Amino acid sequence: MPYELLVHLMNEDPILAEVEELPAAGDNCLYLINPRRRDGKPVPYLDREAVQFIFPWTRVTFIEVMPSEEQDDKLVEFFRD
């Protein structure tokens, strides 16, 4: 099951990408598939033809795991009348 991540890199805008598995505690790098900006546009400093990328942990500030479509249906949203 692929996960969608919002990866925050040092001194860069966050990028949206997929991973096959969430990174483990002992991993040295982060393997990303199909990275793009939040609005879907290509990341300017990455080659458009490449689809998989490896980023060292020293470049990653933090990662947000985005909810999948299945989880999105289960989220409770609060609203006010």
PDB file of N, CA and C in Angstrom:
ATOM      1  N   MET A   1       0.844  -1.180   0.000  1.00  0.00           N
ATOM      2  CA  MET A   1       0.000   0.000   0.000  1.00  0.00           C
ATOM      3  C   MET A   1       0.889   1.242   0.000  1.00  0.00           C
ATOM      4  N   PRO A   2       0.857   2.026  -1.052  1.00  0.00           N
ATOM      5  CA  PRO A   2       1.694   3.234  -1.082  1.00  0.00           C
ATOM      6  C   PRO A   2       1.146   4.316  -0.139  1.00  0.00           C
ATOM      7  N   TYR A   3       2.072   5.063   0.411  1.00  0.00           N
ATOM      8  CA  TYR A   3       1.723   6.182   1.293  1.00  0.00           C
ATOM      9  C   TYR A   3       2.072   7.476   0.571  1.00  0.00           C
ATOM     10  N   GLU A   4       1.286   8.511   0.810  1.00  0.00           N
ATOM     11  CA  GLU A   4       1.570   9.822   0.244  1.00  0.00           C
ATOM     12  C   GLU A   4       2.163  10.680   1.362  1.00  0.00           C
ATOM     13  N   LEU A   5       3.320  11.279   1.086  1.00  0.00           N
ATOM     14  CA  LEU A   5       4.030  12.063   2.083  1.00  0.00           C
ATOM     15  C   LEU A   5       4.206  13.496   1.613  1.00  0.00           C
ATOM     16  N   LEU A   6       4.195  14.397   2.560  1.00  0.00           N
ATOM     17  CA  LEU A   6       4.573  15.785   2.317  1.00  0.00           C
ATOM     18  C   LEU A   6       5.919  15.962   3.005  1.00  0.00           C
ATOM     19  N   VAL A   7       6.978  16.070   2.209  1.00  0.00           N
ATOM     20  CA  VAL A   7       8.346  16.079   2.718  1.00  0.00           C
ATOM     21  C   VAL A   7       8.852  17.520   2.761  1.00  0.00           C
ATOM     22  N   HIS A   8       9.296  17.938   3.927  1.00  0.00           N
ATOM     23  CA  HIS A   8       9.849  19.278   4.114  1.00  0.00           C
ATOM     24  C   HIS A   8      11.371  19.154   4.101  1.00  0.00           C
ATOM     25  N   LEU A   9      11.990  19.738   3.068  1.00  0.00           N
ATOM     26  CA  LEU A   9      13.442  19.727   2.927  1.00  0.00           C
ATOM     27  C   LEU A   9      14.018  21.049   3.408  1.00  0.00           C
ATOM     28  N   MET A  10      15.260  21.014   3.851  1.00  0.00           N
ATOM     29  CA  MET A  10      15.898  22.236   4.348  1.00  0.00           C
ATOM     30  C   MET A  10      16.033  23.261   3.234  1.00  0.00           C
ATOM     31  N   ASN A  11      15.596  24.474   3.507  1.00  0.00           N
ATOM     32  CA  ASN A  11      15.711  25.625   2.601  1.00  0.00           C
ATOM     33  C   ASN A  11      14.995  25.430   1.269  1.00  0.00           C
ATOM     34  N   GLU A  12      13.970  24.591   1.226  1.00  0.00           N
ATOM     35  CA  GLU A  12      13.200  24.352   0.009  1.00  0.00           C
ATOM     36  C   GLU A  12      11.710  24.317   0.362  1.00  0.00           C
ATOM     37  N   ASP A  13      10.871  24.481  -0.648  1.00  0.00           N
ATOM     38  CA  ASP A  13       9.434  24.305  -0.454  1.00  0.00           C
ATOM     39  C   ASP A  13       9.140  22.824  -0.269  1.00  0.00           C
ATOM     40  N   PRO A  14       8.088  22.481   0.479  1.00  0.00           N
ATOM     41  CA  PRO A  14       7.770  21.064   0.654  1.00  0.00           C
ATOM     42  C   PRO A  14       7.370  20.404  -0.659  1.00  0.00           C
ATOM     43  N   ILE A  15       7.642  19.108  -0.764  1.00  0.00           N
ATOM     44  CA  ILE A  15       7.269  18.356  -1.961  1.00  0.00           C
ATOM     45  C   ILE A  15       6.372  17.190  -1.558  1.00  0.00           C
ATOM     46  N   LEU A  16       5.469  16.863  -2.444  1.00  0.00           N
ATOM     47  CA  LEU A  16       4.534  15.762  -2.258  1.00  0.00           C
ATOM     48  C   LEU A  16       5.073  14.573  -3.034  1.00  0.00           C
ATOM     49  N   ALA A  17       5.088  13.381  -2.414  1.00  0.00           N
ATOM     50  CA  ALA A  17       5.621  12.197  -3.083  1.00  0.00           C
ATOM     51  C   ALA A  17       5.006  10.946  -2.466  1.00  0.00           C
ATOM     52  N   GLU A  18       5.219   9.822  -3.135  1.00  0.00           N
ATOM     53  CA  GLU A  18       4.739   8.542  -2.632  1.00  0.00           C
ATOM     54  C   GLU A  18       5.923   7.682  -2.197  1.00  0.00           C
ATOM     55  N   VAL A  19       5.660   6.771  -1.262  1.00  0.00           N
ATOM     56  CA  VAL A  19       6.615   5.752  -0.846  1.00  0.00           C
ATOM     57  C   VAL A  19       5.870   4.435  -0.720  1.00  0.00           C
ATOM     58  N   GLU A  20       6.570   3.330  -0.967  1.00  0.00           N
ATOM     59  CA  GLU A  20       5.951   2.016  -0.818  1.00  0.00           C
ATOM     60  C   GLU A  20       5.759   1.660   0.651  1.00  0.00           C
ATOM     61  N   GLU A  21       6.749   1.994   1.483  1.00  0.00           N
ATOM     62  CA  GLU A  21       6.691   1.735   2.920  1.00  0.00           C
ATOM     63  C   GLU A  21       7.153   2.984   3.655  1.00  0.00           C
ATOM     64  N   LEU A  22       6.631   3.178   4.849  1.00  0.00           N
ATOM     65  CA  LEU A  22       7.089   4.297   5.657  1.00  0.00           C
ATOM     66  C   LEU A  22       8.533   4.040   6.082  1.00  0.00           C
ATOM     67  N   PRO A  23       9.342   5.083   6.200  1.00  0.00           N
ATOM     68  CA  PRO A  23      10.743   4.888   6.567  1.00  0.00           C
ATOM     69  C   PRO A  23      10.883   4.269   7.956  1.00  0.00           C
ATOM     70  N   ALA A  24      11.856   3.387   8.110  1.00  0.00           N
ATOM     71  CA  ALA A  24      12.136   2.751   9.394  1.00  0.00           C
ATOM     72  C   ALA A  24      13.142   3.593  10.172  1.00  0.00           C
ATOM     73  N   ALA A  25      13.272   3.304  11.445  1.00  0.00           N
ATOM     74  CA  ALA A  25      14.172   4.076  12.302  1.00  0.00           C
ATOM     75  C   ALA A  25      15.634   3.926  11.895  1.00  0.00           C
ATOM     76  N   GLY A  26      16.011   2.804  11.312  1.00  0.00           N
ATOM     77  CA  GLY A  26      17.401   2.574  10.945  1.00  0.00           C
ATOM     78  C   GLY A  26      17.773   2.999   9.534  1.00  0.00           C
ATOM     79  N   ASP A  27      16.849   3.572   8.786  1.00  0.00           N
ATOM     80  CA  ASP A  27      17.134   3.983   7.402  1.00  0.00           C
ATOM     81  C   ASP A  27      18.075   5.181   7.364  1.00  0.00           C
ATOM     82  N   ASN A  28      18.957   5.202   6.358  1.00  0.00           N
ATOM     83  CA  ASN A  28      19.890   6.318   6.172  1.00  0.00           C
ATOM     84  C   ASN A  28      19.370   7.349   5.194  1.00  0.00           C
ATOM     85  N   CYS A  29      18.432   6.957   4.329  1.00  0.00           N
ATOM     86  CA  CYS A  29      17.899   7.864   3.328  1.00  0.00           C
ATOM     87  C   CYS A  29      16.403   7.634   3.152  1.00  0.00           C
ATOM     88  N   LEU A  30      15.815   8.548   2.443  1.00  0.00           N
ATOM     89  CA  LEU A  30      14.385   8.503   2.157  1.00  0.00           C
ATOM     90  C   LEU A  30      14.205   8.267   0.660  1.00  0.00           C
ATOM     91  N   TYR A  31      13.509   7.193   0.294  1.00  0.00           N
ATOM     92  CA  TYR A  31      13.259   6.838  -1.101  1.00  0.00           C
ATOM     93  C   TYR A  31      11.888   7.369  -1.505  1.00  0.00           C
ATOM     94  N   LEU A  32      11.833   8.266  -2.487  1.00  0.00           N
ATOM     95  CA  LEU A  32      10.590   8.886  -2.916  1.00  0.00           C
ATOM     96  C   LEU A  32      10.270   8.517  -4.359  1.00  0.00           C
ATOM     97  N   ILE A  33       8.983   8.366  -4.643  1.00  0.00           N
ATOM     98  CA  ILE A  33       8.502   8.072  -5.981  1.00  0.00           C
ATOM     99  C   ILE A  33       7.628   9.231  -6.439  1.00  0.00           C
ATOM    100  N   ASN A  34       7.844   9.702  -7.663  1.00  0.00           N
ATOM    101  CA  ASN A  34       7.017  10.725  -8.290  1.00  0.00           C
ATOM    102  C   ASN A  34       6.894  12.002  -7.445  1.00  0.00           C
ATOM    103  N   PRO A  35       8.005  12.648  -7.102  1.00  0.00           N
ATOM    104  CA  PRO A  35       7.903  13.885  -6.319  1.00  0.00           C
ATOM    105  C   PRO A  35       7.374  15.036  -7.170  1.00  0.00           C
ATOM    106  N   ARG A  36       6.626  15.910  -6.542  1.00  0.00           N
ATOM    107  CA  ARG A  36       6.042  17.075  -7.207  1.00  0.00           C
ATOM    108  C   ARG A  36       5.748  18.130  -6.149  1.00  0.00           C
ATOM    109  N   ARG A  37       5.446  19.328  -6.587  1.00  0.00           N
ATOM    110  CA  ARG A  37       5.036  20.372  -5.648  1.00  0.00           C
ATOM    111  C   ARG A  37       3.631  20.086  -5.157  1.00  0.00           C
ATOM    112  N   ARG A  38       3.202  20.814  -4.166  1.00  0.00           N
ATOM    113  CA  ARG A  38       1.854  20.608  -3.618  1.00  0.00           C
ATOM    114  C   ARG A  38       0.766  20.849  -4.646  1.00  0.00           C
ATOM    115  N   ASP A  39       1.008  21.746  -5.590  1.00  0.00           N
ATOM    116  CA  ASP A  39       0.003  22.053  -6.612  1.00  0.00           C
ATOM    117  C   ASP A  39       0.104  21.134  -7.827  1.00  0.00           C
ATOM    118  N   GLY A  40       0.991  20.129  -7.781  1.00  0.00           N
ATOM    119  CA  GLY A  40       1.115  19.167  -8.864  1.00  0.00           C
ATOM    120  C   GLY A  40       2.153  19.520  -9.913  1.00  0.00           C
ATOM    121  N   LYS A  41       2.734  20.692  -9.833  1.00  0.00           N
ATOM    122  CA  LYS A  41       3.749  21.108 -10.803  1.00  0.00           C
ATOM    123  C   LYS A  41       5.068  20.386 -10.501  1.00  0.00           C
ATOM    124  N   PRO A  42       5.923  20.259 -11.511  1.00  0.00           N
ATOM    125  CA  PRO A  42       7.212  19.581 -11.279  1.00  0.00           C
ATOM    126  C   PRO A  42       8.118  20.392 -10.358  1.00  0.00           C
ATOM    127  N   VAL A  43       8.981  19.701  -9.659  1.00  0.00           N
ATOM    128  CA  VAL A  43       9.960  20.344  -8.785  1.00  0.00           C
ATOM    129  C   VAL A  43      11.097  20.855  -9.679  1.00  0.00           C
ATOM    130  N   PRO A  44      11.418  22.158  -9.630  1.00  0.00           N
ATOM    131  CA  PRO A  44      12.366  22.729 -10.605  1.00  0.00           C
ATOM    132  C   PRO A  44      13.786  22.176 -10.511  1.00  0.00           C
ATOM    133  N   TYR A  45      14.240  21.750  -9.358  1.00  0.00           N
ATOM    134  CA  TYR A  45      15.618  21.284  -9.228  1.00  0.00           C
ATOM    135  C   TYR A  45      15.761  19.781  -9.464  1.00  0.00           C
ATOM    136  N   LEU A  46      14.691  19.091  -9.860  1.00  0.00           N
ATOM    137  CA  LEU A  46      14.750  17.663 -10.170  1.00  0.00           C
ATOM    138  C   LEU A  46      14.520  17.447 -11.662  1.00  0.00           C
ATOM    139  N   ASP A  47      15.154  16.442 -12.208  1.00  0.00           N
ATOM    140  CA  ASP A  47      15.001  16.105 -13.619  1.00  0.00           C
ATOM    141  C   ASP A  47      13.584  15.574 -13.858  1.00  0.00           C
ATOM    142  N   ARG A  48      12.925  16.064 -14.896  1.00  0.00           N
ATOM    143  CA  ARG A  48      11.535  15.675 -15.177  1.00  0.00           C
ATOM    144  C   ARG A  48      11.397  14.213 -15.580  1.00  0.00           C
ATOM    145  N   GLU A  49      12.450  13.626 -16.151  1.00  0.00           N
ATOM    146  CA  GLU A  49      12.367  12.253 -16.634  1.00  0.00           C
ATOM    147  C   GLU A  49      12.552  11.223 -15.529  1.00  0.00           C
ATOM    148  N   ALA A  50      13.189  11.584 -14.432  1.00  0.00           N
ATOM    149  CA  ALA A  50      13.406  10.657 -13.322  1.00  0.00           C
ATOM    150  C   ALA A  50      12.114  10.517 -12.516  1.00  0.00           C
ATOM    151  N   VAL A  51      11.873   9.314 -11.981  1.00  0.00           N
ATOM    152  CA  VAL A  51      10.645   9.076 -11.215  1.00  0.00           C
ATOM    153  C   VAL A  51      10.922   8.653  -9.778  1.00  0.00           C
ATOM    154  N   GLN A  52      12.128   8.177  -9.480  1.00  0.00           N
ATOM    155  CA  GLN A  52      12.476   7.791  -8.123  1.00  0.00           C
ATOM    156  C   GLN A  52      13.686   8.588  -7.659  1.00  0.00           C
ATOM    157  N   PHE A  53      13.654   8.996  -6.389  1.00  0.00           N
ATOM    158  CA  PHE A  53      14.721   9.825  -5.842  1.00  0.00           C
ATOM    159  C   PHE A  53      15.089   9.328  -4.455  1.00  0.00           C
ATOM    160  N   ILE A  54      16.358   9.551  -4.104  1.00  0.00           N
ATOM    161  CA  ILE A  54      16.861   9.186  -2.784  1.00  0.00           C
ATOM    162  C   ILE A  54      17.392  10.452  -2.135  1.00  0.00           C
ATOM    163  N   PHE A  55      16.815  10.813  -0.998  1.00  0.00           N
ATOM    164  CA  PHE A  55      17.255  11.987  -0.254  1.00  0.00           C
ATOM    165  C   PHE A  55      17.894  11.538   1.052  1.00  0.00           C
ATOM    166  N   PRO A  56      19.067  12.090   1.406  1.00  0.00           N
ATOM    167  CA  PRO A  56      19.670  11.747   2.696  1.00  0.00           C
ATOM    168  C   PRO A  56      18.886  12.415   3.834  1.00  0.00           C
ATOM    169  N   TRP A  57      18.874  11.796   4.978  1.00  0.00           N
ATOM    170  CA  TRP A  57      18.132  12.334   6.126  1.00  0.00           C
ATOM    171  C   TRP A  57      18.647  13.705   6.540  1.00  0.00           C
ATOM    172  N   THR A  58      19.890  14.025   6.217  1.00  0.00           N
ATOM    173  CA  THR A  58      20.430  15.335   6.602  1.00  0.00           C
ATOM    174  C   THR A  58      19.718  16.480   5.895  1.00  0.00           C
ATOM    175  N   ARG A  59      19.041  16.213   4.765  1.00  0.00           N
ATOM    176  CA  ARG A  59      18.307  17.241   4.024  1.00  0.00           C
ATOM    177  C   ARG A  59      16.846  17.340   4.455  1.00  0.00           C
ATOM    178  N   VAL A  60      16.319  16.329   5.145  1.00  0.00           N
ATOM    179  CA  VAL A  60      14.896  16.269   5.496  1.00  0.00           C
ATOM    180  C   VAL A  60      14.685  16.899   6.873  1.00  0.00           C
ATOM    181  N   THR A  61      13.790  17.891   6.937  1.00  0.00           N
ATOM    182  CA  THR A  61      13.454  18.525   8.208  1.00  0.00           C
ATOM    183  C   THR A  61      12.404  17.697   8.939  1.00  0.00           C
ATOM    184  N   PHE A  62      11.273  17.455   8.276  1.00  0.00           N
ATOM    185  CA  PHE A  62      10.246  16.568   8.828  1.00  0.00           C
ATOM    186  C   PHE A  62       9.341  16.097   7.704  1.00  0.00           C
ATOM    187  N   ILE A  63       8.509  15.089   8.019  1.00  0.00           N
ATOM    188  CA  ILE A  63       7.636  14.456   7.028  1.00  0.00           C
ATOM    189  C   ILE A  63       6.221  14.420   7.579  1.00  0.00           C
ATOM    190  N   GLU A  64       5.259  14.750   6.729  1.00  0.00           N
ATOM    191  CA  GLU A  64       3.845  14.615   7.073  1.00  0.00           C
ATOM    192  C   GLU A  64       3.270  13.468   6.249  1.00  0.00           C
ATOM    193  N   VAL A  65       2.598  12.531   6.912  1.00  0.00           N
ATOM    194  CA  VAL A  65       1.948  11.422   6.219  1.00  0.00           C
ATOM    195  C   VAL A  65       0.516  11.850   5.943  1.00  0.00           C
ATOM    196  N   MET A  66       0.166  11.929   4.671  1.00  0.00           N
ATOM    197  CA  MET A  66      -1.156  12.384   4.269  1.00  0.00           C
ATOM    198  C   MET A  66      -2.152  11.220   4.359  1.00  0.00           C
ATOM    199  N   PRO A  67      -3.404  11.508   4.711  1.00  0.00           N
ATOM    200  CA  PRO A  67      -4.390  10.420   4.804  1.00  0.00           C
ATOM    201  C   PRO A  67      -4.729   9.857   3.432  1.00  0.00           C
ATOM    202  N   SER A  68      -4.948   8.548   3.386  1.00  0.00           N
ATOM    203  CA  SER A  68      -5.367   7.917   2.135  1.00  0.00           C
ATOM    204  C   SER A  68      -6.853   8.164   1.928  1.00  0.00           C
ATOM    205  N   GLU A  69      -7.364   7.788   0.771  1.00  0.00           N
ATOM    206  CA  GLU A  69      -8.784   7.982   0.491  1.00  0.00           C
ATOM    207  C   GLU A  69      -9.653   7.188   1.467  1.00  0.00           C
ATOM    208  N   GLU A  70      -9.186   5.992   1.865  1.00  0.00           N
ATOM    209  CA  GLU A  70      -9.937   5.180   2.823  1.00  0.00           C
ATOM    210  C   GLU A  70      -9.981   5.860   4.183  1.00  0.00           C
ATOM    211  N   GLN A  71      -8.844   6.407   4.610  1.00  0.00           N
ATOM    212  CA  GLN A  71      -8.788   7.075   5.900  1.00  0.00           C
ATOM    213  C   GLN A  71      -9.527   8.403   5.861  1.00  0.00           C
ATOM    214  N   ASP A  72      -9.536   9.055   4.711  1.00  0.00           N
ATOM    215  CA  ASP A  72     -10.185  10.354   4.581  1.00  0.00           C
ATOM    216  C   ASP A  72     -11.687  10.249   4.849  1.00  0.00           C
ATOM    217  N   ASP A  73     -12.301   9.126   4.469  1.00  0.00           N
ATOM    218  CA  ASP A  73     -13.729   8.936   4.723  1.00  0.00           C
ATOM    219  C   ASP A  73     -14.027   8.777   6.205  1.00  0.00           C
ATOM    220  N   LYS A  74     -13.054   8.287   6.962  1.00  0.00           N
ATOM    221  CA  LYS A  74     -13.252   8.030   8.388  1.00  0.00           C
ATOM    222  C   LYS A  74     -12.976   9.246   9.263  1.00  0.00           C
ATOM    223  N   LEU A  75     -12.349  10.287   8.701  1.00  0.00           N
ATOM    224  CA  LEU A  75     -12.027  11.475   9.497  1.00  0.00           C
ATOM    225  C   LEU A  75     -13.299  12.225   9.867  1.00  0.00           C
ATOM    226  N   VAL A  76     -13.327  12.675  11.107  1.00  0.00           N
ATOM    227  CA  VAL A  76     -14.467  13.446  11.588  1.00  0.00           C
ATOM    228  C   VAL A  76     -14.117  14.918  11.489  1.00  0.00           C
ATOM    229  N   GLU A  77     -14.924  15.652  10.783  1.00  0.00           N
ATOM    230  CA  GLU A  77     -14.702  17.081  10.649  1.00  0.00           C
ATOM    231  C   GLU A  77     -15.731  17.817  11.506  1.00  0.00           C
ATOM    232  N   PHE A  78     -15.271  18.816  12.202  1.00  0.00           N
ATOM    233  CA  PHE A  78     -16.143  19.595  13.057  1.00  0.00           C
ATOM    234  C   PHE A  78     -16.616  20.829  12.310  1.00  0.00           C
ATOM    235  N   PHE A  79     -17.852  21.170  12.492  1.00  0.00           N
ATOM    236  CA  PHE A  79     -18.389  22.352  11.846  1.00  0.00           C
ATOM    237  C   PHE A  79     -19.340  23.046  12.796  1.00  0.00           C
ATOM    238  N   ARG A  80     -19.668  24.257  12.474  1.00  0.00           N
ATOM    239  CA  ARG A  80     -20.534  25.057  13.324  1.00  0.00           C
ATOM    240  C   ARG A  80     -21.711  25.544  12.501  1.00  0.00           C
ATOM    241  N   ASP A  81     -22.890  25.450  13.060  1.00  0.00           N
ATOM    242  CA  ASP A  81     -24.094  25.930  12.368  1.00  0.00           C
ATOM    243  C   ASP A  81     -24.191  27.434  12.382  1.00  0.00           C
TER     244      ASP A  81
END
